[in-house]
Each structure stands twice: as structure tokens, then as C-alpha cells.
Amino acid sequence: MALEGPAERRDEGQQGGMANGNGVAPPPSRMAGRPLGAAAYSDRRLRLNPNTEHKPQDYTDVRGEYAPAVYSALERHLPPSLLEADRDVKLHFMRDILARYWPHGERNKVHRHKEYRQKIVHLYKPLHQELYSMHPSAFFLPTFLEAPNFCDMLLEEVENFEKWVHAMKFKIMRPNTMNKYGAVLDDFGLEAMLNQFMEEFIAPISKVFYPEVGGGTLDSHHAFVVEYGKDRDVELGFHVDDSEVTLNVCLGKQFSGGELYFRGIRCENHVNSETQHEEMYDYSHVPGRAVLHRGRHRHGARPTSSGLRMNLLLWCRSSVFREMKKYQMDFSSWCGECQREKRERQIQCVKATKHFLGVLEGQ
């Protein structure tokens, strides 16, 4: 999938309405195929803040375009009057909302990609079979700092897959629009293992550190390896990720350069706004180490001056967060520019109040 869109390229040293009450309006209802009773809720609103005390129903038997976890997470946002309705009523209500989140054209693209992936997985013979079935705790506990065996195996697997694709004369699916080298890990069988890793390791951390961007409702991912160096991509332009939370693991090999530079967190409305001095942060890659950050944290990678650098990227996404943010205009809980605008409004409000009071006292 393509990146959400690069931010306007700037010099690295540069300086640089409210949510709708307690809920958001659902999309226009489609009555065909809806169970009796669903129409009664067509004008209700989703809750912006989830009901954390509500226990969602079990959707593991539901098959279709969305994972059961999507429905479980979205159910907590349903209006109070709908929480105790029949499961089929709630399911159709949520499917109406999700259908607008995922347009028909995008759905067809995903189906085509799934067919490609199924064909590859059926034909490709893994180099390290244990890599596909091992539990993530085998290589990610107790920290992300000591995983040399996993890094080596994954590098060898990616190289083996690329050789196999070339020999079979298949077209390899590149990670995104900004990277010409690398591979999508889900395409050759690692989807289940990495999804488990996201659910058991990334989601609990993100729930604590990134709740304001859906860190507690991560339900899908896009995983890939990128390559930088001679005869590869050299650098990565200033951009934001198509994710709520991104894990970036340096796999190796020997290299110099390639540092990441971060330049502030922004919503879509402020993605090209100026960087403040306190928002500037640089990070140097070390093989076996990882950095976890918000997808909307603007960043880029400086040129890899020598050697070959390969990184594992795990873009973690939340369907619930993406649906909810469509109806918000203020993101001051996480966007740096929204925060500054809110502070400025407060300052102007205080000044106006003092001026008004001064006029009254002078009368």
C-alpha cells in the first residue's frame, strides 16, 4: 500500500472546529439485507470515547473483509441504546460504517493482492521453516535489543525469497511508493506470526504510550523489509507513515550513515507546517535495535554512505481510530501544531476577556 503521502520536503534544519459532541454520525444506512430492527439505529451516533467497561460480543465466527478484532473494538464505540441489541443488529450497523471506511475500489485491490499472496505462499518453499511458526517471545523478549539470530534468519529468508522470485520470473511486490527495494513479509507467509507479534507485544506498549492515536485498538498491519546502500535506495524523503504506530527494527548488515531524523507529530491539516526547535530529534540505527513511534511523526532517513542497511518495518493500524478521526477537526491531544493553535486561542481569549473587563471598569 502506498504511503499516506510525503510531507512537503523541507530543509532538515528548518524551524518548523472541535469534535462533534459525544459522538460521530454514522454513514447513510443501506436497508437491503439489514436485519429487522437495524433501521431504528440508523440515525444514532458513535461514541468518540470507547465504553471501556462494556464487554464486546464474540465475533470470531464472522468471516469477511474485516478481522473479528475490528468488530470487537468498534462495538465499544456504539451508542448506549445499541449495546444490548442483538449481535446481528450491531454487526450490520458496524458493517455500514466500515463499508464507507473501505471503498469498493480499495476492496478490489486488496482482493487481488490476497490472490497474489496465496499463490506465492503456496509455491514458495521457506529457507527457515521455524521462522514461520516460532512464537514472537522466542526472539523479542525480554527486550528488543538482543535478537541477532532472528535478524540473521530474517535477512537470509528475504534474500532467499528474492532469489526465488527472480528464478520463477514473478513480479515482487515492493513495500510502498517510496522504496524501490525490499519485500512485503506478509506476501511469503509471515503474516500470522507478525500479526501475533503486533497483538501480544506492540499493542500493549502502544496502549500505554500512544492511546490518543488508537494504540489500544490496533487490528491490522503492513510488514516489510527495506534495503539501503549501493545499487539500492540511498535515502528516504521527509514523510509520514500510513500507520498509527510504526516499529522500525534495524536488521543489519554493515553500514554507515542512514540516520533517522524526526521533526514533530502532525495531523493531515498541518503535515507541512514548520518544525519547532524542540521537535527536532535524530536517531542512529544499530543492528538488533528498534524504535517505536507514531505513524504521524514526520521523519526521514539520511543517505546510507557505505555498506548495506536493511530494516524491518511494521506499520500497525487501527480501523476504529481511522473511522473516528474523520469527524474531528481538533487533534490537540497529539498534533503539535493543533496544540500550539489551541494555546494561542486560549491566550487570545484571556486577552479579550481582560480587555472587556477593563472597558467595564472604565465605564
Protein backbone atom coordinates (compact mmCIF):
# COMPACT_ATOMS: atom_id res chain seq x y z
CA MET A 1 0.00 0.00 0.00
CA ALA A 2 1.26 3.45 -0.80
CA LEU A 3 2.34 5.87 1.84
CA GLU A 4 -0.30 8.24 3.12
CA GLY A 5 1.64 10.95 1.34
CA PRO A 6 5.01 12.57 1.79
CA ALA A 7 5.15 15.84 3.62
CA GLU A 8 6.49 18.79 1.65
CA ARG A 9 10.24 18.34 1.50
CA ARG A 10 11.97 20.93 3.67
CA ASP A 11 15.43 21.64 4.88
CA GLU A 12 16.16 19.32 7.82
CA GLY A 13 17.26 22.22 9.96
CA GLN A 14 14.05 24.23 9.48
CA GLN A 15 12.03 25.80 12.35
CA GLY A 16 9.44 24.45 11.62
CA GLY A 17 -13.85 23.20 14.88
CA MET A 18 -13.99 20.66 17.68
CA ALA A 19 -15.17 17.03 17.82
CA ASN A 20 -18.90 16.60 17.38
CA GLY A 21 -20.10 16.30 20.99
CA ASN A 22 -20.07 12.77 22.38
CA GLY A 23 -20.20 11.01 19.06
CA VAL A 24 -19.98 10.98 15.31
CA ALA A 25 -22.66 10.48 12.70
CA PRO A 26 -22.79 7.06 11.01
CA PRO A 27 -22.89 6.80 7.21
CA PRO A 28 -26.20 6.71 5.33
CA SER A 29 -27.86 3.37 6.06
CA ARG A 30 -28.37 0.76 3.38
CA MET A 31 -31.58 -1.05 4.19
CA ALA A 32 -31.19 -4.00 1.84
CA GLY A 33 -30.00 -7.07 3.71
CA ARG A 34 -30.30 -5.44 7.14
CA PRO A 35 -31.93 -7.43 9.96
CA LEU A 36 -35.22 -6.29 11.45
CA GLY A 37 -34.52 -3.56 14.00
CA ALA A 38 -31.35 -2.18 12.43
CA ALA A 39 -33.23 0.78 10.91
CA ALA A 40 -34.11 2.07 14.36
CA TYR A 41 -30.46 2.90 14.96
CA SER A 42 -29.63 4.45 11.59
CA ASP A 43 -29.57 7.99 13.00
CA ARG A 44 -27.61 7.21 16.16
CA ARG A 45 -24.05 8.37 16.74
CA LEU A 46 -20.90 6.51 17.60
CA ARG A 47 -19.18 7.45 20.84
CA LEU A 48 -15.87 9.28 20.36
CA ASN A 49 -14.58 7.71 23.58
CA PRO A 50 -14.98 3.92 23.96
CA ASN A 51 -17.02 2.38 26.77
CA THR A 52 -14.14 0.56 28.46
CA GLU A 53 -16.46 -1.25 30.89
CA HIS A 54 -18.51 -2.85 28.11
CA LYS A 55 -17.56 -6.41 27.15
CA PRO A 56 -17.92 -6.87 23.38
CA GLN A 57 -19.58 -9.96 21.97
CA ASP A 58 -17.61 -12.73 20.30
CA TYR A 59 -17.12 -12.20 16.53
CA THR A 60 -14.55 -14.94 15.89
CA ASP A 61 -17.02 -16.85 13.72
CA VAL A 62 -17.63 -13.85 11.43
CA ARG A 63 -16.00 -14.17 8.02
CA GLY A 64 -15.46 -11.39 5.52
CA GLU A 65 -13.24 -8.40 4.79
CA TYR A 66 -12.62 -7.39 8.40
CA ALA A 67 -10.95 -9.24 11.23
CA PRO A 68 -13.12 -10.14 14.27
CA ALA A 69 -10.98 -7.80 16.37
CA VAL A 70 -12.26 -4.85 14.31
CA TYR A 71 -15.87 -5.52 15.35
CA SER A 72 -14.91 -6.11 18.99
CA ALA A 73 -13.04 -2.80 19.12
CA LEU A 74 -15.74 -0.83 17.28
CA GLU A 75 -18.54 -2.24 19.47
CA ARG A 76 -17.19 -0.26 22.45
CA HIS A 77 -17.95 2.92 20.47
CA LEU A 78 -21.58 2.06 19.76
CA PRO A 79 -24.32 4.32 21.18
CA PRO A 80 -25.59 3.14 24.62
CA SER A 81 -29.02 2.21 23.24
CA LEU A 82 -27.41 -0.21 20.77
CA LEU A 83 -25.01 -2.01 23.13
CA GLU A 84 -27.64 -4.51 24.31
CA ALA A 85 -29.19 -5.10 20.86
CA ASP A 86 -28.92 -8.46 19.07
CA ARG A 87 -25.49 -9.23 17.69
CA ASP A 88 -26.77 -9.26 14.09
CA VAL A 89 -28.18 -5.75 14.51
CA LYS A 90 -24.87 -4.47 15.88
CA LEU A 91 -22.93 -6.32 13.19
CA HIS A 92 -24.91 -4.73 10.34
CA PHE A 93 -24.65 -1.31 11.96
CA MET A 94 -20.87 -1.63 12.18
CA ARG A 95 -20.56 -3.02 8.66
CA ASP A 96 -22.36 0.04 7.33
CA ILE A 97 -19.76 2.25 8.97
CA LEU A 98 -16.78 0.16 7.89
CA ALA A 99 -18.02 -0.02 4.29
CA ARG A 100 -17.55 3.73 3.99
CA TYR A 101 -14.10 3.46 5.60
CA TRP A 102 -13.05 0.90 2.96
CA PRO A 103 -14.33 1.95 -0.51
CA HIS A 104 -15.26 -0.68 -3.08
CA GLY A 105 -12.28 0.14 -5.31
CA GLU A 106 -9.80 -0.35 -2.47
CA ARG A 107 -11.58 -3.59 -1.57
CA ASN A 108 -10.97 -4.97 -5.07
CA LYS A 109 -7.27 -4.06 -4.86
CA VAL A 110 -6.97 -5.92 -1.58
CA HIS A 111 -8.71 -8.99 -3.01
CA ARG A 112 -6.29 -9.04 -5.96
CA HIS A 113 -3.34 -8.75 -3.62
CA LYS A 114 -4.69 -11.61 -1.49
CA GLU A 115 -4.90 -13.82 -4.57
CA TYR A 116 -1.27 -12.94 -5.43
CA ARG A 117 -0.21 -13.66 -1.85
CA GLN A 118 -2.00 -17.04 -1.74
CA LYS A 119 -0.29 -18.10 -4.95
CA ILE A 120 3.16 -17.11 -3.67
CA VAL A 121 2.70 -18.79 -0.28
CA HIS A 122 1.55 -22.00 -1.98
CA LEU A 123 4.61 -22.17 -4.26
CA TYR A 124 7.42 -20.70 -2.13
CA LYS A 125 9.48 -23.11 -0.01
CA PRO A 126 10.86 -21.30 3.10
CA LEU A 127 14.57 -21.37 3.87
CA HIS A 128 13.98 -21.25 7.66
CA GLN A 129 10.69 -23.04 8.35
CA GLU A 130 10.99 -22.36 12.11
CA LEU A 131 10.80 -18.61 11.39
CA TYR A 132 7.16 -19.01 10.33
CA SER A 133 5.95 -20.99 13.33
CA MET A 134 8.04 -19.72 16.25
CA HIS A 135 6.40 -17.65 18.95
CA PRO A 136 7.49 -13.98 18.94
CA SER A 137 8.68 -14.31 22.56
CA ALA A 138 11.47 -16.53 21.27
CA PHE A 139 13.25 -13.56 19.76
CA PHE A 140 11.70 -10.39 21.22
CA LEU A 141 11.88 -10.99 24.98
CA PRO A 142 12.96 -9.61 27.36
CA THR A 143 13.84 -6.61 25.20
CA PHE A 144 14.17 -5.68 21.53
CA LEU A 145 17.91 -5.31 21.98
CA GLU A 146 19.12 -8.90 21.81
CA ALA A 147 17.81 -10.56 18.67
CA PRO A 148 20.82 -11.41 16.46
CA ASN A 149 19.57 -14.88 15.49
CA PHE A 150 16.18 -13.57 14.40
CA CYS A 151 17.78 -10.74 12.41
CA ASP A 152 20.14 -13.12 10.63
CA MET A 153 17.37 -15.61 9.82
CA LEU A 154 15.04 -12.92 8.51
CA LEU A 155 17.78 -11.42 6.32
CA GLU A 156 18.56 -14.84 4.86
CA GLU A 157 14.86 -15.54 4.30
CA VAL A 158 14.33 -12.26 2.44
CA GLU A 159 17.38 -12.88 0.26
CA ASN A 160 16.20 -16.42 -0.46
CA PHE A 161 12.72 -15.17 -1.37
CA GLU A 162 14.11 -12.51 -3.72
CA LYS A 163 16.28 -15.13 -5.49
CA TRP A 164 13.27 -17.43 -5.78
CA VAL A 165 11.06 -14.68 -7.21
CA HIS A 166 13.74 -13.85 -9.77
CA ALA A 167 14.17 -17.51 -10.74
CA MET A 168 10.40 -18.01 -11.06
CA LYS A 169 10.10 -14.75 -13.04
CA PHE A 170 7.46 -13.41 -10.66
CA LYS A 171 6.98 -9.72 -10.08
CA ILE A 172 7.91 -8.88 -6.50
CA MET A 173 5.56 -6.51 -4.68
CA ARG A 174 7.56 -3.58 -3.31
CA PRO A 175 6.74 -2.21 0.17
CA ASN A 176 5.40 1.22 -0.81
CA THR A 177 5.74 4.10 -3.26
CA MET A 178 8.94 5.44 -1.70
CA ASN A 179 11.04 2.24 -1.56
CA LYS A 180 12.16 0.52 -4.77
CA TYR A 181 14.00 -2.29 -2.94
CA GLY A 182 12.76 -4.69 -0.29
CA ALA A 183 9.87 -7.11 0.13
CA VAL A 184 6.48 -7.35 1.81
CA LEU A 185 6.88 -10.02 4.50
CA ASP A 186 3.19 -10.94 4.55
CA ASP A 187 3.45 -11.95 0.90
CA PHE A 188 5.55 -15.03 1.63
CA GLY A 189 3.86 -16.42 4.70
CA LEU A 190 4.92 -14.34 7.72
CA GLU A 191 1.58 -12.56 8.18
CA ALA A 192 0.27 -14.78 11.01
CA MET A 193 3.47 -14.63 13.04
CA LEU A 194 3.79 -10.85 12.70
CA ASN A 195 0.11 -10.29 13.47
CA GLN A 196 0.58 -12.26 16.69
CA PHE A 197 3.64 -10.17 17.46
CA MET A 198 1.63 -6.96 16.96
CA GLU A 199 -1.22 -8.17 19.18
CA GLU A 200 0.92 -9.54 22.02
CA PHE A 201 3.80 -7.06 22.10
CA ILE A 202 3.22 -3.87 20.12
CA ALA A 203 -0.43 -3.34 21.08
CA PRO A 204 0.14 -3.49 24.89
CA ILE A 205 3.02 -0.98 24.63
CA SER A 206 1.07 1.28 22.27
CA LYS A 207 -1.98 1.20 24.54
CA VAL A 208 0.14 2.80 27.25
CA PHE A 209 2.24 5.23 25.20
CA TYR A 210 0.03 6.06 22.20
CA PRO A 211 -3.65 5.75 23.28
CA GLU A 212 -4.55 9.06 21.61
CA VAL A 213 -3.80 7.65 18.12
CA GLY A 214 -5.54 4.30 18.54
CA GLY A 215 -2.69 2.46 20.21
CA GLY A 216 -5.16 0.39 22.19
CA THR A 217 -7.20 -0.73 19.15
CA LEU A 218 -4.55 -1.90 16.66
CA ASP A 219 -6.13 -4.53 14.42
CA SER A 220 -4.10 -4.81 11.19
CA HIS A 221 -0.56 -4.37 9.93
CA HIS A 222 1.66 -3.94 6.88
CA ALA A 223 5.09 -5.54 7.35
CA PHE A 224 8.05 -5.20 5.01
CA VAL A 225 11.83 -5.07 4.73
CA VAL A 226 13.64 -2.16 3.06
CA GLU A 227 17.20 -2.03 1.69
CA TYR A 228 19.57 0.94 1.54
CA GLY A 229 23.07 1.19 0.10
CA LYS A 230 24.98 0.92 -3.16
CA ASP A 231 22.70 -0.16 -6.01
CA ARG A 232 19.76 0.15 -3.60
CA ASP A 233 17.69 3.01 -2.21
CA VAL A 234 20.08 5.58 -0.72
CA GLU A 235 17.86 7.73 1.47
CA LEU A 236 14.22 8.24 2.41
CA GLY A 237 12.50 11.59 1.96
CA PHE A 238 10.63 13.53 4.61
CA HIS A 239 7.24 11.82 5.12
CA VAL A 240 4.66 10.30 7.43
CA ASP A 241 3.72 6.60 7.55
CA ASP A 242 0.37 5.07 6.65
CA SER A 243 0.09 3.74 10.19
CA GLU A 244 -0.98 4.67 13.68
CA VAL A 245 2.16 3.14 15.24
CA THR A 246 5.37 2.10 13.46
CA LEU A 247 8.03 -0.35 14.64
CA ASN A 248 11.39 0.07 12.87
CA VAL A 249 13.94 -2.71 13.53
CA CYS A 250 17.46 -2.47 12.14
CA LEU A 251 18.38 -5.97 10.91
CA GLY A 252 21.90 -5.13 9.66
CA LYS A 253 24.20 -5.50 7.88
CA GLN A 254 27.42 -3.45 8.00
CA PHE A 255 26.80 0.18 7.08
CA SER A 256 27.43 3.80 7.92
CA GLY A 257 25.03 6.73 7.75
CA GLY A 258 21.30 6.24 7.33
CA GLU A 259 20.28 8.11 10.50
CA LEU A 260 16.61 8.87 11.05
CA TYR A 261 15.55 12.45 11.72
CA PHE A 262 12.22 13.22 13.39
CA ARG A 263 10.52 16.58 13.02
CA GLY A 264 7.28 16.72 15.03
CA ILE A 265 3.90 14.97 15.03
CA ARG A 266 1.21 16.39 12.74
CA CYS A 267 -2.37 15.74 11.66
CA GLU A 268 -3.29 15.86 7.96
CA ASN A 269 -4.15 19.57 8.16
CA HIS A 270 -0.71 20.52 9.49
CA VAL A 271 1.59 17.97 7.86
CA ASN A 272 3.59 20.70 6.10
CA SER A 273 3.77 23.20 8.96
CA GLU A 274 7.07 24.50 10.30
CA THR A 275 9.20 22.43 12.68
CA GLN A 276 9.86 23.85 16.14
CA HIS A 277 13.35 23.56 17.62
CA GLU A 278 12.19 21.31 20.46
CA GLU A 279 10.69 18.86 17.96
CA MET A 280 14.00 18.02 16.29
CA TYR A 281 15.35 14.57 17.15
CA ASP A 282 17.91 12.34 15.40
CA TYR A 283 18.24 8.57 15.83
CA SER A 284 21.14 6.33 14.73
CA HIS A 285 20.38 2.76 13.72
CA VAL A 286 22.13 -0.14 15.47
CA PRO A 287 21.62 -3.72 14.19
CA GLY A 288 19.30 -5.61 16.54
CA ARG A 289 17.71 -2.47 17.98
CA ALA A 290 14.29 -0.98 17.30
CA VAL A 291 12.46 2.34 17.56
CA LEU A 292 8.69 2.61 18.08
CA HIS A 293 6.94 5.84 17.03
CA ARG A 294 3.61 7.29 15.91
CA GLY A 295 2.97 6.96 12.20
CA ARG A 296 2.16 10.69 12.03
CA HIS A 297 5.58 11.56 13.45
CA ARG A 298 7.25 13.24 10.46
CA HIS A 299 10.60 11.71 9.66
CA GLY A 300 13.12 10.78 7.00
CA ALA A 301 16.40 8.87 6.59
CA ARG A 302 19.73 10.41 5.66
CA PRO A 303 21.86 8.75 2.96
CA THR A 304 23.49 5.41 3.73
CA SER A 305 27.05 6.37 2.86
CA SER A 306 28.56 2.87 2.74
CA GLY A 307 27.63 -0.79 3.14
CA LEU A 308 24.12 -2.25 3.13
CA ARG A 309 21.41 -1.36 5.65
CA MET A 310 18.26 -3.47 5.93
CA ASN A 311 15.34 -2.68 8.22
CA LEU A 312 12.13 -4.41 9.21
CA LEU A 313 9.12 -2.04 9.27
CA LEU A 314 5.85 -2.97 10.92
CA TRP A 315 3.07 -0.45 10.24
CA CYS A 316 0.32 -1.06 12.80
CA ARG A 317 -3.15 0.31 12.10
CA SER A 318 -6.45 0.85 13.90
CA SER A 319 -9.70 0.78 11.91
CA VAL A 320 -11.57 2.32 14.85
CA PHE A 321 -9.19 5.28 15.14
CA ARG A 322 -9.33 5.94 11.39
CA GLU A 323 -13.11 5.98 11.42
CA MET A 324 -13.34 8.26 14.45
CA LYS A 325 -10.82 10.87 13.30
CA LYS A 326 -12.84 11.56 10.14
CA TYR A 327 -15.26 13.58 12.24
CA GLN A 328 -12.74 15.53 14.30
CA MET A 329 -11.25 18.90 13.49
CA ASP A 330 -9.02 19.35 16.52
CA PHE A 331 -6.21 16.90 17.30
CA SER A 332 -4.52 18.79 20.10
CA SER A 333 -4.11 15.55 22.08
CA TRP A 334 -1.28 14.54 19.71
CA CYS A 335 -0.68 17.06 16.87
CA GLY A 336 1.98 19.61 17.80
CA GLU A 337 0.52 22.32 15.59
CA CYS A 338 -3.04 21.77 16.89
CA GLN A 339 -1.64 22.14 20.40
CA ARG A 340 0.02 25.45 19.51
CA GLU A 341 -3.14 26.76 17.87
CA LYS A 342 -5.19 25.78 20.92
CA ARG A 343 -2.76 27.59 23.25
CA GLU A 344 -2.91 30.66 21.01
CA ARG A 345 -6.71 30.65 21.10
CA GLN A 346 -6.61 30.43 24.87
CA ILE A 347 -4.17 33.35 25.08
CA GLN A 348 -6.31 35.47 22.77
CA CYS A 349 -9.40 34.57 24.78
CA VAL A 350 -7.72 35.67 28.02
CA LYS A 351 -6.58 38.92 26.41
CA ALA A 352 -10.06 39.63 25.06
CA THR A 353 -11.60 38.93 28.48
CA LYS A 354 -9.14 41.25 30.23
CA HIS A 355 -9.82 43.96 27.66
CA PHE A 356 -13.59 43.58 28.10
CA LEU A 357 -13.30 43.72 31.89
CA GLY A 358 -11.09 46.80 31.59
CA VAL A 359 -13.71 48.52 29.44
CA LEU A 360 -16.40 47.74 32.01
CA GLU A 361 -14.29 49.09 34.86
CA GLY A 362 -13.71 52.32 32.92
CA GLN A 363 -17.43 52.97 32.42
